[in-house]
Amino acid sequence: MSRILAYLLRFALITFGFVCAIFSASLFLNLLLLGSSELIGSEGPFLYLTIPAFAVVIGYSIFFPAAILILYAELTAWRDWLFYALGGAGIAVVIIVWKWRPQAEDTSTFAAILATGVVGGFVYWLISGRSAGLTAKLPKDL
């Protein structure tokens, strides 16, 4: 019974890490957009409204590629921070090309979303990625 509990706790940690990663990516993207706009003096209501909205869009857009990456990392017990940061950047590139198809001259938006993916991947590693694959190493008698 405790092995099932360990798997449920690991799943809860993975879910919590994913939610924290999309909220941190949303905050980072909002701060990038805020810094490049004229809304510096009125950032309070702007951030309260757009951070959850961006988090929903980011989470919806990256769920399946991130799930594949997380499953691979859990099965191989990959705990390197660079893997998660580059994985976040790779997922951002896949989503940009596959869903949004930006114009070639729009490099600042591409760079912002790429950096957002790196931030999201790194935050996921901080919360969940550092202990990836530990439930597979539990003793058989648990």
Protein backbone atom coordinates (compact mmCIF):
# COMPACT_ATOMS: atom_id res chain seq x y z
CA MET A 1 0.00 0.00 0.00
CA SER A 2 2.82 2.43 0.73
CA ARG A 3 4.19 1.98 -2.82
CA ILE A 4 0.88 3.22 -4.22
CA LEU A 5 1.01 6.12 -1.78
CA ALA A 6 4.54 6.94 -2.96
CA TYR A 7 3.37 7.01 -6.57
CA LEU A 8 0.41 9.23 -5.68
CA LEU A 9 2.66 11.63 -3.79
CA ARG A 10 5.07 11.72 -6.73
CA PHE A 11 2.18 12.46 -9.09
CA ALA A 12 1.04 15.28 -6.80
CA LEU A 13 4.58 16.71 -6.76
CA ILE A 14 4.77 16.52 -10.57
CA THR A 15 1.42 18.29 -10.87
CA PHE A 16 2.45 20.97 -8.37
CA GLY A 17 5.74 21.48 -10.20
CA PHE A 18 3.93 21.83 -13.54
CA VAL A 19 1.51 24.39 -12.14
CA CYS A 20 4.34 26.39 -10.54
CA ALA A 21 6.30 26.24 -13.81
CA ILE A 22 3.44 27.62 -15.90
CA PHE A 23 2.74 30.39 -13.38
CA SER A 24 6.40 31.37 -13.23
CA ALA A 25 6.62 31.31 -17.03
CA SER A 26 3.52 33.50 -17.15
CA LEU A 27 5.01 35.95 -14.64
CA PHE A 28 8.27 36.08 -16.60
CA LEU A 29 6.47 36.67 -19.90
CA ASN A 30 4.33 39.38 -18.34
CA LEU A 31 7.38 41.13 -16.94
CA LEU A 32 9.04 40.99 -20.35
CA LEU A 33 5.96 42.47 -21.97
CA LEU A 34 5.63 45.06 -19.21
CA GLY A 35 9.22 46.16 -19.66
CA SER A 36 8.72 46.66 -23.37
CA SER A 37 5.50 48.65 -23.06
CA GLU A 38 4.32 51.96 -21.68
CA LEU A 39 2.45 50.37 -18.75
CA ILE A 40 5.24 50.82 -16.21
CA GLY A 41 3.26 53.13 -13.92
CA SER A 42 0.08 51.03 -13.86
CA GLU A 43 1.44 47.50 -13.52
CA GLY A 44 -0.72 46.49 -10.54
CA PRO A 45 -4.06 45.66 -12.18
CA PHE A 46 -2.32 44.63 -15.38
CA LEU A 47 -0.36 41.84 -13.67
CA TYR A 48 -3.29 40.63 -11.54
CA LEU A 49 -5.36 40.01 -14.64
CA THR A 50 -2.83 38.80 -17.15
CA ILE A 51 -0.70 36.39 -15.12
CA PRO A 52 -3.54 33.87 -14.56
CA ALA A 53 -4.77 34.34 -18.13
CA PHE A 54 -1.32 33.74 -19.60
CA ALA A 55 -0.83 30.76 -17.26
CA VAL A 56 -3.98 29.12 -18.59
CA VAL A 57 -2.90 29.67 -22.19
CA ILE A 58 0.63 28.44 -21.52
CA GLY A 59 -0.59 25.38 -19.63
CA TYR A 60 -3.07 24.51 -22.36
CA SER A 61 -0.48 24.93 -25.08
CA ILE A 62 2.34 22.92 -23.54
CA PHE A 63 0.50 20.17 -21.67
CA PHE A 64 1.08 17.24 -24.05
CA PRO A 65 4.71 17.99 -25.02
CA ALA A 66 5.55 18.65 -21.38
CA ALA A 67 3.84 15.43 -20.30
CA ILE A 68 5.99 13.47 -22.75
CA LEU A 69 9.15 15.18 -21.48
CA ILE A 70 8.19 14.63 -17.84
CA LEU A 71 7.36 10.96 -18.45
CA TYR A 72 10.70 10.44 -20.18
CA ALA A 73 12.55 12.16 -17.34
CA GLU A 74 10.73 10.09 -14.72
CA LEU A 75 11.39 6.79 -16.49
CA THR A 76 15.08 7.54 -17.04
CA ALA A 77 15.53 9.32 -13.67
CA TRP A 78 17.05 12.35 -15.39
CA ARG A 79 17.74 15.00 -12.75
CA ASP A 80 19.93 17.51 -14.60
CA TRP A 81 18.76 21.14 -14.52
CA LEU A 82 20.04 21.74 -18.04
CA PHE A 83 17.82 18.95 -19.40
CA TYR A 84 14.72 20.65 -18.02
CA ALA A 85 15.76 24.16 -19.11
CA LEU A 86 16.55 23.01 -22.64
CA GLY A 87 13.43 20.85 -22.62
CA GLY A 88 11.37 23.93 -21.77
CA ALA A 89 13.07 25.83 -24.59
CA GLY A 90 12.44 22.94 -26.98
CA ILE A 91 8.78 22.77 -26.02
CA ALA A 92 8.51 26.54 -26.55
CA VAL A 93 10.02 26.22 -30.03
CA VAL A 94 7.69 23.34 -30.92
CA ILE A 95 4.65 25.30 -29.74
CA ILE A 96 5.73 28.47 -31.55
CA VAL A 97 6.27 26.69 -34.85
CA TRP A 98 3.34 24.30 -34.58
CA LYS A 99 0.56 26.50 -33.18
CA TRP A 100 1.38 30.14 -33.80
CA ARG A 101 3.59 30.11 -36.92
CA PRO A 102 5.21 33.52 -36.39
CA GLN A 103 6.66 35.66 -39.13
CA ALA A 104 10.40 35.43 -39.77
CA GLU A 105 11.02 39.06 -38.79
CA ASP A 106 9.34 38.68 -35.38
CA THR A 107 12.50 37.64 -33.55
CA SER A 108 11.81 39.51 -30.30
CA THR A 109 8.60 37.54 -29.69
CA PHE A 110 10.40 34.31 -30.54
CA ALA A 111 13.22 35.13 -28.11
CA ALA A 112 10.75 36.09 -25.36
CA ILE A 113 8.81 32.83 -25.67
CA LEU A 114 12.03 30.83 -25.86
CA ALA A 115 13.29 32.46 -22.64
CA THR A 116 9.89 31.82 -21.06
CA GLY A 117 10.27 28.12 -21.84
CA VAL A 118 13.70 28.07 -20.21
CA VAL A 119 12.33 29.73 -17.07
CA GLY A 120 9.40 27.31 -16.90
CA GLY A 121 11.67 24.29 -17.33
CA PHE A 122 14.06 25.52 -14.68
CA VAL A 123 11.29 26.15 -12.16
CA TYR A 124 9.91 22.66 -12.83
CA TRP A 125 13.36 21.26 -12.12
CA LEU A 126 13.56 23.23 -8.85
CA ILE A 127 10.31 21.74 -7.60
CA SER A 128 9.95 18.30 -9.17
CA GLY A 129 12.83 17.51 -11.48
CA ARG A 130 15.55 17.20 -8.86
CA SER A 131 13.87 14.06 -7.52
CA ALA A 132 12.83 12.49 -10.82
CA GLY A 133 12.67 8.73 -10.84
CA LEU A 134 13.05 8.19 -7.10
CA THR A 135 9.85 6.17 -6.82
CA ALA A 136 11.24 3.61 -9.28
CA LYS A 137 14.10 2.94 -6.85
CA LEU A 138 11.88 2.02 -3.92
CA PRO A 139 12.37 -1.44 -2.44
CA LYS A 140 10.04 -4.13 -3.78
CA ASP A 141 8.59 -4.99 -0.36
CA LEU A 142 6.99 -1.54 0.11
